[in-house]
PDB file of all heavy atoms in Angstrom:
ATOM      1  N   MET A   1      -8.822  12.110   4.387  1.00  0.00           N
ATOM      2  CA  MET A   1      -8.917  13.452   3.828  1.00  0.00           C
ATOM      3  C   MET A   1      -9.871  14.358   4.627  1.00  0.00           C
ATOM      4  O   MET A   1      -9.645  15.520   4.789  1.00  0.00           O
ATOM      5  CB  MET A   1      -9.324  13.402   2.354  1.00  0.00           C
ATOM      6  CG  MET A   1      -8.274  12.760   1.464  1.00  0.00           C
ATOM      7  SD  MET A   1      -8.879  12.614  -0.258  1.00  0.00           S
ATOM      8  CE  MET A   1      -9.109  14.314  -0.670  1.00  0.00           C
ATOM      9  N   LEU A   2     -10.902  13.740   5.172  1.00  0.00           N
ATOM     10  CA  LEU A   2     -11.935  14.503   5.924  1.00  0.00           C
ATOM     11  C   LEU A   2     -11.630  14.554   7.414  1.00  0.00           C
ATOM     12  O   LEU A   2     -12.363  15.174   8.150  1.00  0.00           O
ATOM     13  CB  LEU A   2     -13.324  13.870   5.711  1.00  0.00           C
ATOM     14  CG  LEU A   2     -13.856  13.942   4.250  1.00  0.00           C
ATOM     15  CD1 LEU A   2     -15.212  13.259   4.174  1.00  0.00           C
ATOM     16  CD2 LEU A   2     -13.953  15.385   3.783  1.00  0.00           C
ATOM     17  N   GLY A   3     -10.568  13.907   7.830  1.00  0.00           N
ATOM     18  CA  GLY A   3     -10.211  13.917   9.248  1.00  0.00           C
ATOM     19  C   GLY A   3     -11.244  13.303  10.139  1.00  0.00           C
ATOM     20  O   GLY A   3     -11.496  13.766  11.263  1.00  0.00           O
ATOM     21  N   LEU A   4     -11.814  12.162   9.713  1.00  0.00           N
ATOM     22  CA  LEU A   4     -12.945  11.538  10.447  1.00  0.00           C
ATOM     23  C   LEU A   4     -12.540  10.438  11.368  1.00  0.00           C
ATOM     24  O   LEU A   4     -13.357   9.838  11.999  1.00  0.00           O
ATOM     25  CB  LEU A   4     -13.968  11.017   9.419  1.00  0.00           C
ATOM     26  CG  LEU A   4     -14.669  12.084   8.562  1.00  0.00           C
ATOM     27  CD1 LEU A   4     -15.588  11.415   7.557  1.00  0.00           C
ATOM     28  CD2 LEU A   4     -15.393  13.108   9.370  1.00  0.00           C
ATOM     29  N   ALA A   5     -11.224  10.116  11.416  1.00  0.00           N
ATOM     30  CA  ALA A   5     -10.747   9.072  12.306  1.00  0.00           C
ATOM     31  C   ALA A   5      -9.342   9.321  12.769  1.00  0.00           C
ATOM     32  O   ALA A   5      -8.593  10.025  12.093  1.00  0.00           O
ATOM     33  CB  ALA A   5     -10.813   7.697  11.577  1.00  0.00           C
ATOM     34  N   ASP A   6      -9.008   8.774  13.959  1.00  0.00           N
ATOM     35  CA  ASP A   6      -7.655   8.926  14.407  1.00  0.00           C
ATOM     36  C   ASP A   6      -6.751   7.984  13.610  1.00  0.00           C
ATOM     37  O   ASP A   6      -7.212   7.136  12.877  1.00  0.00           O
ATOM     38  CB  ASP A   6      -7.479   8.747  15.914  1.00  0.00           C
ATOM     39  CG  ASP A   6      -7.790   7.278  16.370  1.00  0.00           C
ATOM     40  OD1 ASP A   6      -7.346   6.370  15.651  1.00  0.00           O
ATOM     41  OD2 ASP A   6      -8.355   7.122  17.450  1.00  0.00           O
ATOM     42  N   PHE A   7      -5.430   8.153  13.802  1.00  0.00           N
ATOM     43  CA  PHE A   7      -4.471   7.487  12.910  1.00  0.00           C
ATOM     44  C   PHE A   7      -4.655   5.961  13.008  1.00  0.00           C
ATOM     45  O   PHE A   7      -4.479   5.241  11.998  1.00  0.00           O
ATOM     46  CB  PHE A   7      -3.062   7.893  13.342  1.00  0.00           C
ATOM     47  CG  PHE A   7      -1.968   7.272  12.563  1.00  0.00           C
ATOM     48  CD1 PHE A   7      -1.576   7.815  11.321  1.00  0.00           C
ATOM     49  CD2 PHE A   7      -1.333   6.097  12.997  1.00  0.00           C
ATOM     50  CE1 PHE A   7      -0.563   7.251  10.569  1.00  0.00           C
ATOM     51  CE2 PHE A   7      -0.340   5.528  12.230  1.00  0.00           C
ATOM     52  CZ  PHE A   7       0.034   6.109  11.018  1.00  0.00           C
ATOM     53  N   THR A   8      -4.917   5.416  14.169  1.00  0.00           N
ATOM     54  CA  THR A   8      -4.946   3.996  14.357  1.00  0.00           C
ATOM     55  C   THR A   8      -6.166   3.331  13.663  1.00  0.00           C
ATOM     56  O   THR A   8      -6.178   2.122  13.454  1.00  0.00           O
ATOM     57  CB  THR A   8      -5.076   3.631  15.863  1.00  0.00           C
ATOM     58  OG1 THR A   8      -6.281   4.144  16.397  1.00  0.00           O
ATOM     59  CG2 THR A   8      -3.881   4.156  16.644  1.00  0.00           C
ATOM     60  N   LYS A   9      -7.108   4.124  13.146  1.00  0.00           N
ATOM     61  CA  LYS A   9      -8.312   3.587  12.539  1.00  0.00           C
ATOM     62  C   LYS A   9      -8.305   3.822  11.011  1.00  0.00           C
ATOM     63  O   LYS A   9      -9.299   3.470  10.343  1.00  0.00           O
ATOM     64  CB  LYS A   9      -9.586   4.220  13.177  1.00  0.00           C
ATOM     65  CG  LYS A   9      -9.748   3.830  14.630  1.00  0.00           C
ATOM     66  CD  LYS A   9     -10.975   4.511  15.218  1.00  0.00           C
ATOM     67  CE  LYS A   9     -11.058   4.197  16.721  1.00  0.00           C
ATOM     68  NZ  LYS A   9     -12.219   4.887  17.348  1.00  0.00           N
ATOM     69  N   LEU A  10      -7.239   4.382  10.508  1.00  0.00           N
ATOM     70  CA  LEU A  10      -7.211   4.713   9.082  1.00  0.00           C
ATOM     71  C   LEU A  10      -6.855   3.543   8.178  1.00  0.00           C
ATOM     72  O   LEU A  10      -7.164   3.516   7.001  1.00  0.00           O
ATOM     73  CB  LEU A  10      -6.277   5.859   8.815  1.00  0.00           C
ATOM     74  CG  LEU A  10      -6.753   7.240   9.350  1.00  0.00           C
ATOM     75  CD1 LEU A  10      -5.648   8.274   9.095  1.00  0.00           C
ATOM     76  CD2 LEU A  10      -8.064   7.665   8.774  1.00  0.00           C
ATOM     77  N   PHE A  11      -6.119   2.561   8.764  1.00  0.00           N
ATOM     78  CA  PHE A  11      -5.606   1.407   7.973  1.00  0.00           C
ATOM     79  C   PHE A  11      -6.279   0.137   8.427  1.00  0.00           C
ATOM     80  O   PHE A  11      -6.365  -0.115   9.623  1.00  0.00           O
ATOM     81  CB  PHE A  11      -4.063   1.298   8.106  1.00  0.00           C
ATOM     82  CG  PHE A  11      -3.319   2.454   7.495  1.00  0.00           C
ATOM     83  CD1 PHE A  11      -2.999   3.553   8.278  1.00  0.00           C
ATOM     84  CD2 PHE A  11      -3.000   2.479   6.161  1.00  0.00           C
ATOM     85  CE1 PHE A  11      -2.269   4.616   7.739  1.00  0.00           C
ATOM     86  CE2 PHE A  11      -2.273   3.494   5.608  1.00  0.00           C
ATOM     87  CZ  PHE A  11      -1.945   4.618   6.372  1.00  0.00           C
ATOM     88  N   GLN A  12      -6.727  -0.668   7.492  1.00  0.00           N
ATOM     89  CA  GLN A  12      -7.410  -1.926   7.792  1.00  0.00           C
ATOM     90  C   GLN A  12      -6.665  -3.102   7.147  1.00  0.00           C
ATOM     91  O   GLN A  12      -6.219  -3.016   6.015  1.00  0.00           O
ATOM     92  CB  GLN A  12      -8.845  -1.881   7.278  1.00  0.00           C
ATOM     93  CG  GLN A  12      -9.742  -0.950   8.035  1.00  0.00           C
ATOM     94  CD  GLN A  12     -11.206  -1.044   7.582  1.00  0.00           C
ATOM     95  OE1 GLN A  12     -11.495  -1.192   6.435  1.00  0.00           O
ATOM     96  NE2 GLN A  12     -12.103  -1.056   8.567  1.00  0.00           N
ATOM     97  N   TRP A  13      -6.555  -4.171   7.894  1.00  0.00           N
ATOM     98  CA  TRP A  13      -5.961  -5.411   7.454  1.00  0.00           C
ATOM     99  C   TRP A  13      -6.932  -6.117   6.498  1.00  0.00           C
ATOM    100  O   TRP A  13      -8.055  -6.420   6.865  1.00  0.00           O
ATOM    101  CB  TRP A  13      -5.575  -6.271   8.627  1.00  0.00           C
ATOM    102  CG  TRP A  13      -5.083  -7.670   8.351  1.00  0.00           C
ATOM    103  CD1 TRP A  13      -5.733  -8.805   8.689  1.00  0.00           C
ATOM    104  CD2 TRP A  13      -3.830  -8.013   7.794  1.00  0.00           C
ATOM    105  NE1 TRP A  13      -4.912  -9.900   8.316  1.00  0.00           N
ATOM    106  CE2 TRP A  13      -3.773  -9.452   7.739  1.00  0.00           C
ATOM    107  CE3 TRP A  13      -2.751  -7.302   7.260  1.00  0.00           C
ATOM    108  CZ2 TRP A  13      -2.670 -10.121   7.251  1.00  0.00           C
ATOM    109  CZ3 TRP A  13      -1.668  -7.995   6.767  1.00  0.00           C
ATOM    110  CH2 TRP A  13      -1.631  -9.379   6.770  1.00  0.00           C
ATOM    111  N   LYS A  14      -6.474  -6.394   5.260  1.00  0.00           N
ATOM    112  CA  LYS A  14      -7.323  -7.034   4.260  1.00  0.00           C
ATOM    113  C   LYS A  14      -6.581  -8.275   3.689  1.00  0.00           C
ATOM    114  O   LYS A  14      -6.007  -8.206   2.604  1.00  0.00           O
ATOM    115  CB  LYS A  14      -7.623  -6.048   3.137  1.00  0.00           C
ATOM    116  CG  LYS A  14      -8.401  -4.824   3.576  1.00  0.00           C
ATOM    117  CD  LYS A  14      -9.855  -5.152   3.780  1.00  0.00           C
ATOM    118  CE  LYS A  14     -10.669  -3.900   3.976  1.00  0.00           C
ATOM    119  NZ  LYS A  14     -12.129  -4.216   4.190  1.00  0.00           N
ATOM    120  N   PRO A  15      -6.525  -9.366   4.423  1.00  0.00           N
ATOM    121  CA  PRO A  15      -5.708 -10.519   4.016  1.00  0.00           C
ATOM    122  C   PRO A  15      -6.135 -11.103   2.677  1.00  0.00           C
ATOM    123  O   PRO A  15      -5.322 -11.757   2.002  1.00  0.00           O
ATOM    124  CB  PRO A  15      -5.857 -11.517   5.155  1.00  0.00           C
ATOM    125  CG  PRO A  15      -7.131 -11.119   5.845  1.00  0.00           C
ATOM    126  CD  PRO A  15      -7.188  -9.628   5.722  1.00  0.00           C
ATOM    127  N   GLU A  16      -7.396 -10.882   2.263  1.00  0.00           N
ATOM    128  CA  GLU A  16      -7.884 -11.421   1.005  1.00  0.00           C
ATOM    129  C   GLU A  16      -7.122 -10.794  -0.192  1.00  0.00           C
ATOM    130  O   GLU A  16      -7.114 -11.366  -1.265  1.00  0.00           O
ATOM    131  CB  GLU A  16      -9.368 -11.222   0.854  1.00  0.00           C
ATOM    132  CG  GLU A  16      -9.803  -9.762   0.765  1.00  0.00           C
ATOM    133  CD  GLU A  16     -10.030  -9.105   2.120  1.00  0.00           C
ATOM    134  OE1 GLU A  16      -9.623  -9.667   3.135  1.00  0.00           O
ATOM    135  OE2 GLU A  16     -10.642  -8.031   2.148  1.00  0.00           O
ATOM    136  N   LEU A  17      -6.478  -9.635  -0.006  1.00  0.00           N
ATOM    137  CA  LEU A  17      -5.704  -8.995  -1.037  1.00  0.00           C
ATOM    138  C   LEU A  17      -4.398  -9.693  -1.328  1.00  0.00           C
ATOM    139  O   LEU A  17      -3.856  -9.561  -2.412  1.00  0.00           O
ATOM    140  CB  LEU A  17      -5.439  -7.529  -0.701  1.00  0.00           C
ATOM    141  CG  LEU A  17      -6.643  -6.590  -0.632  1.00  0.00           C
ATOM    142  CD1 LEU A  17      -6.189  -5.220  -0.093  1.00  0.00           C
ATOM    143  CD2 LEU A  17      -7.331  -6.449  -1.971  1.00  0.00           C
ATOM    144  N   GLY A  18      -3.888 -10.449  -0.342  1.00  0.00           N
ATOM    145  CA  GLY A  18      -2.532 -10.963  -0.499  1.00  0.00           C
ATOM    146  C   GLY A  18      -1.513  -9.826  -0.384  1.00  0.00           C
ATOM    147  O   GLY A  18      -1.868  -8.664  -0.128  1.00  0.00           O
ATOM    148  N   ALA A  19      -0.262 -10.144  -0.605  1.00  0.00           N
ATOM    149  CA  ALA A  19       0.814  -9.145  -0.551  1.00  0.00           C
ATOM    150  C   ALA A  19       1.443  -9.062  -1.926  1.00  0.00           C
ATOM    151  O   ALA A  19       1.308  -9.955  -2.757  1.00  0.00           O
ATOM    152  CB  ALA A  19       1.846  -9.525   0.506  1.00  0.00           C
ATOM    153  N   ARG A  20       2.175  -7.971  -2.182  1.00  0.00           N
ATOM    154  CA  ARG A  20       2.860  -7.757  -3.434  1.00  0.00           C
ATOM    155  C   ARG A  20       4.300  -7.308  -3.195  1.00  0.00           C
ATOM    156  O   ARG A  20       4.537  -6.505  -2.260  1.00  0.00           O
ATOM    157  CB  ARG A  20       2.189  -6.703  -4.282  1.00  0.00           C
ATOM    158  CG  ARG A  20       0.707  -6.943  -4.620  1.00  0.00           C
ATOM    159  CD  ARG A  20       0.504  -8.014  -5.644  1.00  0.00           C
ATOM    160  NE  ARG A  20      -0.852  -8.110  -6.051  1.00  0.00           N
ATOM    161  CZ  ARG A  20      -1.793  -8.805  -5.453  1.00  0.00           C
ATOM    162  NH1 ARG A  20      -1.504  -9.525  -4.379  1.00  0.00           N
ATOM    163  NH2 ARG A  20      -3.068  -8.821  -5.893  1.00  0.00           N
ATOM    164  N   LEU A  21       5.197  -7.866  -3.959  1.00  0.00           N
ATOM    165  CA  LEU A  21       6.580  -7.337  -4.036  1.00  0.00           C
ATOM    166  C   LEU A  21       6.709  -6.751  -5.434  1.00  0.00           C
ATOM    167  O   LEU A  21       6.580  -7.489  -6.433  1.00  0.00           O
ATOM    168  CB  LEU A  21       7.591  -8.404  -3.777  1.00  0.00           C
ATOM    169  CG  LEU A  21       7.915  -8.805  -2.336  1.00  0.00           C
ATOM    170  CD1 LEU A  21       8.934  -9.896  -2.338  1.00  0.00           C
ATOM    171  CD2 LEU A  21       8.350  -7.618  -1.526  1.00  0.00           C
ATOM    172  N   ILE A  22       6.998  -5.502  -5.524  1.00  0.00           N
ATOM    173  CA  ILE A  22       7.248  -4.831  -6.820  1.00  0.00           C
ATOM    174  C   ILE A  22       8.743  -4.666  -6.986  1.00  0.00           C
ATOM    175  O   ILE A  22       9.416  -4.012  -6.250  1.00  0.00           O
ATOM    176  CB  ILE A  22       6.573  -3.439  -6.846  1.00  0.00           C
ATOM    177  CG1 ILE A  22       5.059  -3.578  -6.548  1.00  0.00           C
ATOM    178  CG2 ILE A  22       6.765  -2.805  -8.237  1.00  0.00           C
ATOM    179  CD1 ILE A  22       4.336  -2.262  -6.487  1.00  0.00           C
ATOM    180  N   VAL A  23       9.244  -5.360  -8.013  1.00  0.00           N
ATOM    181  CA  VAL A  23      10.706  -5.366  -8.326  1.00  0.00           C
ATOM    182  C   VAL A  23      10.954  -4.423  -9.444  1.00  0.00           C
ATOM    183  O   VAL A  23      10.511  -4.614 -10.573  1.00  0.00           O
ATOM    184  CB  VAL A  23      11.187  -6.761  -8.602  1.00  0.00           C
ATOM    185  CG1 VAL A  23      12.684  -6.811  -8.842  1.00  0.00           C
ATOM    186  CG2 VAL A  23      10.801  -7.742  -7.444  1.00  0.00           C
ATOM    187  N   VAL A  24      11.702  -3.353  -9.180  1.00  0.00           N
ATOM    188  CA  VAL A  24      11.900  -2.259 -10.142  1.00  0.00           C
ATOM    189  C   VAL A  24      13.378  -2.284 -10.632  1.00  0.00           C
ATOM    190  O   VAL A  24      14.263  -2.035  -9.858  1.00  0.00           O
ATOM    191  CB  VAL A  24      11.575  -0.900  -9.495  1.00  0.00           C
ATOM    192  CG1 VAL A  24      11.673   0.235 -10.529  1.00  0.00           C
ATOM    193  CG2 VAL A  24      10.190  -0.889  -8.835  1.00  0.00           C
ATOM    194  N   PRO A  25      13.572  -2.538 -11.920  1.00  0.00           N
ATOM    195  CA  PRO A  25      14.976  -2.518 -12.442  1.00  0.00           C
ATOM    196  C   PRO A  25      15.512  -1.092 -12.414  1.00  0.00           C
ATOM    197  O   PRO A  25      14.877  -0.117 -12.820  1.00  0.00           O
ATOM    198  CB  PRO A  25      14.846  -3.016 -13.872  1.00  0.00           C
ATOM    199  CG  PRO A  25      13.461  -3.676 -13.936  1.00  0.00           C
ATOM    200  CD  PRO A  25      12.619  -2.943 -12.973  1.00  0.00           C
ATOM    201  N   LEU A  26      16.741  -0.946 -11.908  1.00  0.00           N
ATOM    202  CA  LEU A  26      17.331   0.389 -11.817  1.00  0.00           C
ATOM    203  C   LEU A  26      17.607   0.941 -13.199  1.00  0.00           C
ATOM    204  O   LEU A  26      17.653   2.212 -13.392  1.00  0.00           O
ATOM    205  CB  LEU A  26      18.636   0.289 -11.026  1.00  0.00           C
ATOM    206  CG  LEU A  26      18.473   0.234  -9.517  1.00  0.00           C
ATOM    207  CD1 LEU A  26      19.817  -0.089  -8.846  1.00  0.00           C
ATOM    208  CD2 LEU A  26      17.927   1.502  -8.930  1.00  0.00           C
ATOM    209  N   ASP A  27      17.793   0.108 -14.207  1.00  0.00           N
ATOM    210  CA  ASP A  27      18.068   0.593 -15.546  1.00  0.00           C
ATOM    211  C   ASP A  27      16.829   0.817 -16.419  1.00  0.00           C
ATOM    212  O   ASP A  27      16.925   1.265 -17.540  1.00  0.00           O
ATOM    213  CB  ASP A  27      19.031  -0.335 -16.289  1.00  0.00           C
ATOM    214  CG  ASP A  27      18.511  -1.722 -16.458  1.00  0.00           C
ATOM    215  OD1 ASP A  27      17.348  -1.994 -16.003  1.00  0.00           O
ATOM    216  OD2 ASP A  27      19.181  -2.613 -17.022  1.00  0.00           O
ATOM    217  N   ASP A  28      15.660   0.493 -15.821  1.00  0.00           N
ATOM    218  CA  ASP A  28      14.346   0.713 -16.567  1.00  0.00           C
ATOM    219  C   ASP A  28      13.241   0.733 -15.565  1.00  0.00           C
ATOM    220  O   ASP A  28      12.594  -0.299 -15.287  1.00  0.00           O
ATOM    221  CB  ASP A  28      14.160  -0.419 -17.574  1.00  0.00           C
ATOM    222  CG  ASP A  28      12.972  -0.120 -18.521  1.00  0.00           C
ATOM    223  OD1 ASP A  28      12.298   0.924 -18.281  1.00  0.00           O
ATOM    224  OD2 ASP A  28      12.719  -0.932 -19.452  1.00  0.00           O
ATOM    225  N   ILE A  29      13.013   1.874 -14.943  1.00  0.00           N
ATOM    226  CA  ILE A  29      12.044   1.998 -13.859  1.00  0.00           C
ATOM    227  C   ILE A  29      10.651   1.529 -14.276  1.00  0.00           C
ATOM    228  O   ILE A  29       9.897   0.952 -13.485  1.00  0.00           O
ATOM    229  CB  ILE A  29      11.984   3.460 -13.366  1.00  0.00           C
ATOM    230  CG1 ILE A  29      13.329   3.890 -12.799  1.00  0.00           C
ATOM    231  CG2 ILE A  29      10.879   3.668 -12.340  1.00  0.00           C
ATOM    232  CD1 ILE A  29      13.795   3.070 -11.614  1.00  0.00           C
ATOM    233  N   GLN A  30      10.279   1.764 -15.518  1.00  0.00           N
ATOM    234  CA  GLN A  30       8.921   1.446 -15.988  1.00  0.00           C
ATOM    235  C   GLN A  30       8.707  -0.055 -16.280  1.00  0.00           C
ATOM    236  O   GLN A  30       7.647  -0.463 -16.614  1.00  0.00           O
ATOM    237  CB  GLN A  30       8.542   2.307 -17.183  1.00  0.00           C
ATOM    238  CG  GLN A  30       8.557   3.793 -16.890  1.00  0.00           C
ATOM    239  CD  GLN A  30       7.664   4.147 -15.665  1.00  0.00           C
ATOM    240  OE1 GLN A  30       6.598   3.661 -15.550  1.00  0.00           O
ATOM    241  NE2 GLN A  30       8.170   5.052 -14.850  1.00  0.00           N
ATOM    242  N   ALA A  31       9.792  -0.837 -16.195  1.00  0.00           N
ATOM    243  CA  ALA A  31       9.684  -2.258 -16.482  1.00  0.00           C
ATOM    244  C   ALA A  31       9.563  -3.072 -15.171  1.00  0.00           C
ATOM    245  O   ALA A  31      10.126  -4.164 -15.019  1.00  0.00           O
ATOM    246  CB  ALA A  31      10.898  -2.714 -17.271  1.00  0.00           C
TER     247      ALA A  31
END
C-alpha cells in the first residue's frame, strides 16, 4: 500500500503455513 518495495519483494514464502484448497459448492457458495 505504501509502495515501499518492488513487486518481487512483496510476497514471501511461508512453508510453516501449509497450503489450503477451498472447495466451494456451486449450489451453496457459503458452504
